[in-house]
Amino acid sequence: MSEYLRPWKLITLAIGIALLIIGSFYYKAPDWDIPISLIMAFFTYLTASWSMHVVVKRQLKKFPLMLFYTWFSIDGCYWIYWHFTDPVALELMRDANFFASLSLYGMCGLVWYYEGTVKQFISEAKVFVLGIRGN
C-alpha cells in the first residue's frame, strides 16, 4: 500500500492525468473525455505496476488475474463507461483504443515498477552504472 502513496508516483500520475485531459481537448476523438481519462488512469495506477511485477517475476499462478486486471484497465472500464455514455462512440473507437491503451498501460507499468524512493533509485542506479557505493 505504501507504494501507492510515494510522492514521485503520485506526481507522475498527476502529470499523466494532466496530459490525458489536455489531449482530450486537443484531439477531438469521440471517445476521449475527462471522465474516461480519470477512470482509466485510476485503474492503471492501481494495477499496471503489479501486472509488470507478475510478468517480470514469472508469477504464473497470478497470471490469469494479471490478464484480467490488464484487460479491465485498458478495455473493461472503457467498455462499461462508453456503453452507458455513448454506444456509438464505443463501436466506432473501441478497436483503436485497445492498442493505444495497452501501450500506455505497459509504459506506466515500467515507470511505476520501481519500489522505493527517488533517493534509493538514484543510489541503486549509481551502483549499477558506476559501481559506486553511496552513503
N, C-alpha and C. Protein backbone atom coordinates (compact mmCIF):
# COMPACT_ATOMS: atom_id res chain seq x y z
N MET A 1 0.82 -1.20 0.00
CA MET A 1 0.00 0.00 0.00
C MET A 1 0.86 1.25 0.00
N SER A 2 2.00 1.20 0.67
CA SER A 2 2.85 2.39 0.75
C SER A 2 3.38 2.81 -0.63
N GLU A 3 3.49 1.85 -1.54
CA GLU A 3 3.97 2.20 -2.88
C GLU A 3 3.01 3.14 -3.60
N TYR A 4 1.72 3.01 -3.35
CA TYR A 4 0.73 3.88 -4.00
C TYR A 4 0.81 5.32 -3.49
N LEU A 5 1.41 5.51 -2.32
CA LEU A 5 1.47 6.84 -1.72
C LEU A 5 2.82 7.52 -1.88
N ARG A 6 3.73 6.90 -2.61
CA ARG A 6 5.04 7.52 -2.83
C ARG A 6 4.85 8.81 -3.63
N PRO A 7 5.45 9.91 -3.16
CA PRO A 7 5.27 11.20 -3.84
C PRO A 7 5.64 11.16 -5.32
N TRP A 8 6.73 10.50 -5.68
CA TRP A 8 7.14 10.50 -7.08
C TRP A 8 6.13 9.76 -7.95
N LYS A 9 5.48 8.74 -7.41
CA LYS A 9 4.47 8.02 -8.18
C LYS A 9 3.20 8.86 -8.31
N LEU A 10 2.82 9.52 -7.24
CA LEU A 10 1.64 10.39 -7.31
C LEU A 10 1.86 11.57 -8.24
N ILE A 11 3.08 12.10 -8.25
CA ILE A 11 3.40 13.22 -9.15
C ILE A 11 3.34 12.76 -10.60
N THR A 12 3.91 11.59 -10.89
CA THR A 12 3.86 11.09 -12.28
C THR A 12 2.42 10.77 -12.68
N LEU A 13 1.62 10.28 -11.73
CA LEU A 13 0.20 10.05 -12.02
C LEU A 13 -0.49 11.37 -12.36
N ALA A 14 -0.24 12.40 -11.57
CA ALA A 14 -0.85 13.72 -11.82
C ALA A 14 -0.42 14.27 -13.17
N ILE A 15 0.85 14.11 -13.53
CA ILE A 15 1.33 14.57 -14.84
C ILE A 15 0.62 13.81 -15.95
N GLY A 16 0.50 12.50 -15.79
CA GLY A 16 -0.19 11.69 -16.79
C GLY A 16 -1.65 12.09 -16.95
N ILE A 17 -2.33 12.31 -15.84
CA ILE A 17 -3.73 12.73 -15.90
C ILE A 17 -3.85 14.09 -16.58
N ALA A 18 -2.94 15.00 -16.25
CA ALA A 18 -2.96 16.32 -16.89
C ALA A 18 -2.78 16.18 -18.41
N LEU A 19 -1.86 15.32 -18.84
CA LEU A 19 -1.64 15.12 -20.27
C LEU A 19 -2.87 14.49 -20.94
N LEU A 20 -3.52 13.56 -20.24
CA LEU A 20 -4.74 12.96 -20.79
C LEU A 20 -5.85 14.00 -20.93
N ILE A 21 -5.99 14.86 -19.94
CA ILE A 21 -7.04 15.88 -20.01
C ILE A 21 -6.73 16.88 -21.11
N ILE A 22 -5.49 17.31 -21.22
CA ILE A 22 -5.10 18.21 -22.31
C ILE A 22 -5.36 17.55 -23.66
N GLY A 23 -4.99 16.27 -23.76
CA GLY A 23 -5.21 15.53 -25.01
C GLY A 23 -6.67 15.43 -25.38
N SER A 24 -7.54 15.33 -24.36
CA SER A 24 -8.97 15.23 -24.66
C SER A 24 -9.51 16.50 -25.29
N PHE A 25 -8.87 17.63 -25.02
CA PHE A 25 -9.28 18.88 -25.66
C PHE A 25 -8.60 19.07 -27.02
N TYR A 26 -7.34 18.67 -27.11
CA TYR A 26 -6.55 18.88 -28.32
C TYR A 26 -7.00 17.95 -29.45
N TYR A 27 -7.14 16.66 -29.12
CA TYR A 27 -7.59 15.68 -30.11
C TYR A 27 -9.10 15.50 -29.92
N LYS A 28 -9.84 15.75 -30.93
CA LYS A 28 -11.30 15.70 -30.84
C LYS A 28 -11.82 14.29 -31.13
N ALA A 29 -11.26 13.29 -30.44
CA ALA A 29 -11.74 11.92 -30.61
C ALA A 29 -13.08 11.77 -29.89
N PRO A 30 -14.01 11.06 -30.50
CA PRO A 30 -15.35 10.95 -29.89
C PRO A 30 -15.36 10.16 -28.58
N ASP A 31 -14.29 9.42 -28.30
CA ASP A 31 -14.27 8.60 -27.09
C ASP A 31 -13.25 9.07 -26.06
N TRP A 32 -12.79 10.29 -26.19
CA TRP A 32 -11.77 10.78 -25.27
C TRP A 32 -12.33 11.99 -24.53
N ASP A 33 -12.67 11.78 -23.29
CA ASP A 33 -13.16 12.88 -22.47
C ASP A 33 -12.52 12.81 -21.08
N ILE A 34 -12.82 13.76 -20.26
CA ILE A 34 -12.19 13.84 -18.94
C ILE A 34 -12.58 12.66 -18.05
N PRO A 35 -13.86 12.30 -17.94
CA PRO A 35 -14.19 11.17 -17.05
C PRO A 35 -13.47 9.88 -17.41
N ILE A 36 -13.42 9.51 -18.67
CA ILE A 36 -12.75 8.25 -19.02
C ILE A 36 -11.25 8.36 -18.80
N SER A 37 -10.70 9.55 -18.97
CA SER A 37 -9.27 9.75 -18.68
C SER A 37 -8.99 9.49 -17.21
N LEU A 38 -9.85 9.98 -16.34
CA LEU A 38 -9.67 9.77 -14.90
C LEU A 38 -9.91 8.31 -14.51
N ILE A 39 -10.94 7.71 -15.05
CA ILE A 39 -11.26 6.31 -14.73
C ILE A 39 -10.13 5.39 -15.14
N MET A 40 -9.69 5.51 -16.38
CA MET A 40 -8.64 4.61 -16.86
C MET A 40 -7.31 4.87 -16.17
N ALA A 41 -7.00 6.12 -15.87
CA ALA A 41 -5.77 6.44 -15.15
C ALA A 41 -5.79 5.82 -13.75
N PHE A 42 -6.94 5.90 -13.09
CA PHE A 42 -7.08 5.32 -11.74
C PHE A 42 -6.82 3.82 -11.76
N PHE A 43 -7.48 3.09 -12.66
CA PHE A 43 -7.30 1.64 -12.70
C PHE A 43 -5.89 1.27 -13.15
N THR A 44 -5.32 2.03 -14.04
CA THR A 44 -3.95 1.77 -14.47
C THR A 44 -2.99 1.98 -13.30
N TYR A 45 -3.19 3.03 -12.52
CA TYR A 45 -2.33 3.29 -11.38
C TYR A 45 -2.40 2.13 -10.38
N LEU A 46 -3.59 1.60 -10.18
CA LEU A 46 -3.75 0.51 -9.22
C LEU A 46 -3.16 -0.81 -9.70
N THR A 47 -3.12 -1.04 -11.00
CA THR A 47 -2.79 -2.39 -11.48
C THR A 47 -1.55 -2.53 -12.35
N ALA A 48 -1.10 -1.50 -13.02
CA ALA A 48 -0.03 -1.64 -14.02
C ALA A 48 1.28 -2.11 -13.42
N SER A 49 1.68 -1.52 -12.32
CA SER A 49 2.94 -1.92 -11.69
C SER A 49 2.86 -3.37 -11.21
N TRP A 50 1.75 -3.72 -10.56
CA TRP A 50 1.56 -5.09 -10.09
C TRP A 50 1.61 -6.07 -11.26
N SER A 51 0.95 -5.73 -12.35
CA SER A 51 0.96 -6.60 -13.53
C SER A 51 2.37 -6.79 -14.07
N MET A 52 3.14 -5.70 -14.09
CA MET A 52 4.51 -5.79 -14.58
C MET A 52 5.35 -6.70 -13.66
N HIS A 53 5.14 -6.60 -12.36
CA HIS A 53 5.85 -7.48 -11.42
C HIS A 53 5.49 -8.94 -11.65
N VAL A 54 4.24 -9.23 -11.92
CA VAL A 54 3.82 -10.61 -12.20
C VAL A 54 4.55 -11.15 -13.42
N VAL A 55 4.66 -10.35 -14.45
CA VAL A 55 5.33 -10.79 -15.68
C VAL A 55 6.83 -10.95 -15.45
N VAL A 56 7.47 -9.94 -14.88
CA VAL A 56 8.93 -9.97 -14.70
C VAL A 56 9.36 -11.09 -13.76
N LYS A 57 8.59 -11.28 -12.70
CA LYS A 57 8.94 -12.31 -11.71
C LYS A 57 8.38 -13.68 -12.05
N ARG A 58 7.71 -13.77 -13.18
CA ARG A 58 7.13 -15.02 -13.68
C ARG A 58 6.25 -15.70 -12.62
N GLN A 59 5.35 -14.95 -12.05
CA GLN A 59 4.43 -15.47 -11.04
C GLN A 59 3.23 -16.10 -11.76
N LEU A 60 3.43 -17.30 -12.24
CA LEU A 60 2.46 -17.94 -13.12
C LEU A 60 1.09 -18.12 -12.47
N LYS A 61 1.02 -18.34 -11.18
CA LYS A 61 -0.27 -18.51 -10.52
C LYS A 61 -1.10 -17.23 -10.55
N LYS A 62 -0.43 -16.08 -10.63
CA LYS A 62 -1.11 -14.79 -10.66
C LYS A 62 -1.40 -14.32 -12.08
N PHE A 63 -0.92 -15.05 -13.06
CA PHE A 63 -1.03 -14.61 -14.45
C PHE A 63 -2.48 -14.42 -14.91
N PRO A 64 -3.41 -15.34 -14.61
CA PRO A 64 -4.81 -15.09 -15.04
C PRO A 64 -5.39 -13.82 -14.43
N LEU A 65 -5.12 -13.56 -13.15
CA LEU A 65 -5.61 -12.35 -12.52
C LEU A 65 -4.96 -11.12 -13.14
N MET A 66 -3.66 -11.23 -13.46
CA MET A 66 -2.96 -10.13 -14.12
C MET A 66 -3.59 -9.83 -15.47
N LEU A 67 -3.93 -10.86 -16.23
CA LEU A 67 -4.58 -10.65 -17.53
C LEU A 67 -5.93 -9.96 -17.35
N PHE A 68 -6.69 -10.36 -16.32
CA PHE A 68 -7.97 -9.72 -16.07
C PHE A 68 -7.78 -8.25 -15.70
N TYR A 69 -6.87 -7.96 -14.77
CA TYR A 69 -6.62 -6.57 -14.37
C TYR A 69 -6.17 -5.72 -15.55
N THR A 70 -5.30 -6.28 -16.38
CA THR A 70 -4.83 -5.55 -17.55
C THR A 70 -5.99 -5.28 -18.50
N TRP A 71 -6.76 -6.31 -18.81
CA TRP A 71 -7.91 -6.13 -19.69
C TRP A 71 -8.88 -5.11 -19.12
N PHE A 72 -9.22 -5.24 -17.83
CA PHE A 72 -10.19 -4.33 -17.25
C PHE A 72 -9.70 -2.88 -17.29
N SER A 73 -8.41 -2.67 -17.03
CA SER A 73 -7.86 -1.31 -17.01
C SER A 73 -7.83 -0.68 -18.39
N ILE A 74 -7.60 -1.49 -19.43
CA ILE A 74 -7.45 -0.91 -20.76
C ILE A 74 -8.71 -1.03 -21.63
N ASP A 75 -9.60 -1.94 -21.27
CA ASP A 75 -10.77 -2.14 -22.12
C ASP A 75 -12.07 -2.30 -21.33
N GLY A 76 -12.06 -3.00 -20.24
CA GLY A 76 -13.28 -3.28 -19.49
C GLY A 76 -13.94 -2.03 -18.95
N CYS A 77 -13.17 -1.20 -18.25
CA CYS A 77 -13.76 0.03 -17.71
C CYS A 77 -14.14 0.99 -18.84
N TYR A 78 -13.37 0.98 -19.92
CA TYR A 78 -13.68 1.77 -21.11
C TYR A 78 -15.02 1.34 -21.70
N TRP A 79 -15.20 0.01 -21.84
CA TRP A 79 -16.45 -0.51 -22.41
C TRP A 79 -17.64 -0.14 -21.53
N ILE A 80 -17.50 -0.33 -20.23
CA ILE A 80 -18.62 -0.02 -19.31
C ILE A 80 -19.00 1.46 -19.43
N TYR A 81 -17.99 2.34 -19.37
CA TYR A 81 -18.27 3.78 -19.42
C TYR A 81 -18.96 4.17 -20.72
N TRP A 82 -18.38 3.76 -21.86
CA TRP A 82 -18.93 4.19 -23.15
C TRP A 82 -20.21 3.45 -23.52
N HIS A 83 -20.40 2.25 -22.99
CA HIS A 83 -21.65 1.54 -23.23
C HIS A 83 -22.83 2.37 -22.71
N PHE A 84 -22.65 2.99 -21.56
CA PHE A 84 -23.72 3.79 -20.97
C PHE A 84 -23.69 5.26 -21.38
N THR A 85 -22.54 5.75 -21.81
CA THR A 85 -22.41 7.16 -22.17
C THR A 85 -22.75 7.42 -23.64
N ASP A 86 -22.13 6.64 -24.53
CA ASP A 86 -22.34 6.83 -25.97
C ASP A 86 -21.95 5.55 -26.71
N PRO A 87 -22.88 4.63 -26.88
CA PRO A 87 -22.57 3.36 -27.54
C PRO A 87 -22.03 3.51 -28.96
N VAL A 88 -22.39 4.58 -29.64
CA VAL A 88 -21.88 4.80 -31.00
C VAL A 88 -20.38 5.08 -30.95
N ALA A 89 -19.94 5.90 -30.02
CA ALA A 89 -18.52 6.17 -29.85
C ALA A 89 -17.77 4.89 -29.49
N LEU A 90 -18.37 4.06 -28.66
CA LEU A 90 -17.77 2.78 -28.29
C LEU A 90 -17.55 1.91 -29.51
N GLU A 91 -18.58 1.77 -30.31
CA GLU A 91 -18.49 0.94 -31.52
C GLU A 91 -17.45 1.49 -32.49
N LEU A 92 -17.41 2.78 -32.62
CA LEU A 92 -16.51 3.44 -33.56
C LEU A 92 -15.04 3.37 -33.14
N MET A 93 -14.76 3.49 -31.84
CA MET A 93 -13.38 3.70 -31.39
C MET A 93 -12.77 2.58 -30.57
N ARG A 94 -13.52 1.56 -30.20
CA ARG A 94 -13.01 0.55 -29.27
C ARG A 94 -11.74 -0.12 -29.77
N ASP A 95 -11.71 -0.53 -31.02
CA ASP A 95 -10.52 -1.21 -31.54
C ASP A 95 -9.29 -0.33 -31.50
N ALA A 96 -9.43 0.92 -31.87
CA ALA A 96 -8.30 1.85 -31.86
C ALA A 96 -7.84 2.12 -30.43
N ASN A 97 -8.78 2.21 -29.51
CA ASN A 97 -8.43 2.49 -28.13
C ASN A 97 -7.64 1.35 -27.49
N PHE A 98 -7.96 0.12 -27.83
CA PHE A 98 -7.35 -1.03 -27.18
C PHE A 98 -5.83 -0.98 -27.26
N PHE A 99 -5.29 -0.84 -28.45
CA PHE A 99 -3.83 -0.90 -28.59
C PHE A 99 -3.14 0.35 -28.05
N ALA A 100 -3.76 1.50 -28.19
CA ALA A 100 -3.20 2.72 -27.61
C ALA A 100 -3.16 2.60 -26.09
N SER A 101 -4.24 2.12 -25.50
CA SER A 101 -4.30 1.98 -24.05
C SER A 101 -3.37 0.88 -23.55
N LEU A 102 -3.25 -0.20 -24.28
CA LEU A 102 -2.33 -1.27 -23.89
C LEU A 102 -0.89 -0.75 -23.87
N SER A 103 -0.51 0.03 -24.86
CA SER A 103 0.84 0.61 -24.89
C SER A 103 1.08 1.53 -23.70
N LEU A 104 0.12 2.39 -23.41
CA LEU A 104 0.25 3.30 -22.27
C LEU A 104 0.28 2.52 -20.95
N TYR A 105 -0.51 1.48 -20.85
CA TYR A 105 -0.53 0.64 -19.65
C TYR A 105 0.85 0.03 -19.41
N GLY A 106 1.45 -0.51 -20.46
CA GLY A 106 2.79 -1.09 -20.33
C GLY A 106 3.83 -0.05 -19.93
N MET A 107 3.75 1.14 -20.52
CA MET A 107 4.69 2.20 -20.16
C MET A 107 4.52 2.61 -18.70
N CYS A 108 3.28 2.73 -18.26
CA CYS A 108 3.03 3.09 -16.86
C CYS A 108 3.54 2.00 -15.93
N GLY A 109 3.35 0.74 -16.31
CA GLY A 109 3.87 -0.36 -15.51
C GLY A 109 5.37 -0.28 -15.35
N LEU A 110 6.06 0.11 -16.40
CA LEU A 110 7.52 0.27 -16.32
C LEU A 110 7.91 1.46 -15.46
N VAL A 111 7.22 2.58 -15.62
CA VAL A 111 7.53 3.78 -14.83
C VAL A 111 7.32 3.51 -13.35
N TRP A 112 6.22 2.86 -13.00
CA TRP A 112 5.87 2.64 -11.60
C TRP A 112 6.39 1.32 -11.04
N TYR A 113 7.18 0.60 -11.82
CA TYR A 113 7.70 -0.70 -11.41
C TYR A 113 8.60 -0.60 -10.18
N TYR A 114 9.44 0.40 -10.15
CA TYR A 114 10.42 0.52 -9.05
C TYR A 114 9.71 0.71 -7.72
N GLU A 115 10.15 -0.03 -6.72
CA GLU A 115 9.59 0.08 -5.38
C GLU A 115 10.62 0.73 -4.48
N GLY A 116 10.44 2.00 -4.24
CA GLY A 116 11.36 2.74 -3.39
C GLY A 116 11.25 4.23 -3.66
N THR A 117 12.08 4.97 -2.96
CA THR A 117 12.09 6.42 -3.10
C THR A 117 12.99 6.83 -4.26
N VAL A 118 12.91 8.07 -4.64
CA VAL A 118 13.78 8.60 -5.69
C VAL A 118 15.24 8.52 -5.24
N LYS A 119 15.48 8.85 -3.97
CA LYS A 119 16.84 8.79 -3.42
C LYS A 119 17.40 7.36 -3.49
N GLN A 120 16.58 6.38 -3.15
CA GLN A 120 17.01 4.99 -3.24
C GLN A 120 17.29 4.59 -4.69
N PHE A 121 16.46 5.05 -5.59
CA PHE A 121 16.65 4.74 -7.01
C PHE A 121 17.97 5.29 -7.52
N ILE A 122 18.25 6.55 -7.18
CA ILE A 122 19.50 7.18 -7.62
C ILE A 122 20.70 6.44 -7.05
N SER A 123 20.62 6.07 -5.79
CA SER A 123 21.70 5.34 -5.15
C SER A 123 21.94 3.99 -5.83
N GLU A 124 20.85 3.26 -6.08
CA GLU A 124 20.97 1.96 -6.76
C GLU A 124 21.45 2.12 -8.20
N ALA A 125 21.02 3.18 -8.87
CA ALA A 125 21.45 3.42 -10.24
C ALA A 125 22.95 3.70 -10.29
N LYS A 126 23.47 4.45 -9.31
CA LYS A 126 24.92 4.72 -9.25
C LYS A 126 25.70 3.42 -9.09
N VAL A 127 25.22 2.58 -8.21
CA VAL A 127 25.89 1.27 -8.00
C VAL A 127 25.85 0.47 -9.27
N PHE A 128 24.72 0.43 -9.92
CA PHE A 128 24.55 -0.36 -11.14
C PHE A 128 25.41 0.16 -12.28
N VAL A 129 25.37 1.47 -12.51
CA VAL A 129 26.05 2.05 -13.66
C VAL A 129 27.54 2.26 -13.39
N LEU A 130 27.86 2.79 -12.24
CA LEU A 130 29.24 3.19 -11.96
C LEU A 130 29.97 2.28 -10.97
N GLY A 131 29.23 1.43 -10.31
CA GLY A 131 29.84 0.60 -9.31
C GLY A 131 30.23 1.38 -8.05
N ILE A 132 29.58 2.52 -7.82
CA ILE A 132 29.88 3.39 -6.67
C ILE A 132 28.89 3.10 -5.56
N ARG A 133 29.38 2.88 -4.37
CA ARG A 133 28.52 2.70 -3.20
C ARG A 133 28.35 4.03 -2.53
N GLY A 134 27.07 4.48 -2.37
CA GLY A 134 26.77 5.77 -1.73
C GLY A 134 26.68 5.63 -0.24
N ASN A 135 26.53 6.78 0.44
CA ASN A 135 26.41 6.77 1.90
C ASN A 135 25.00 6.47 2.31
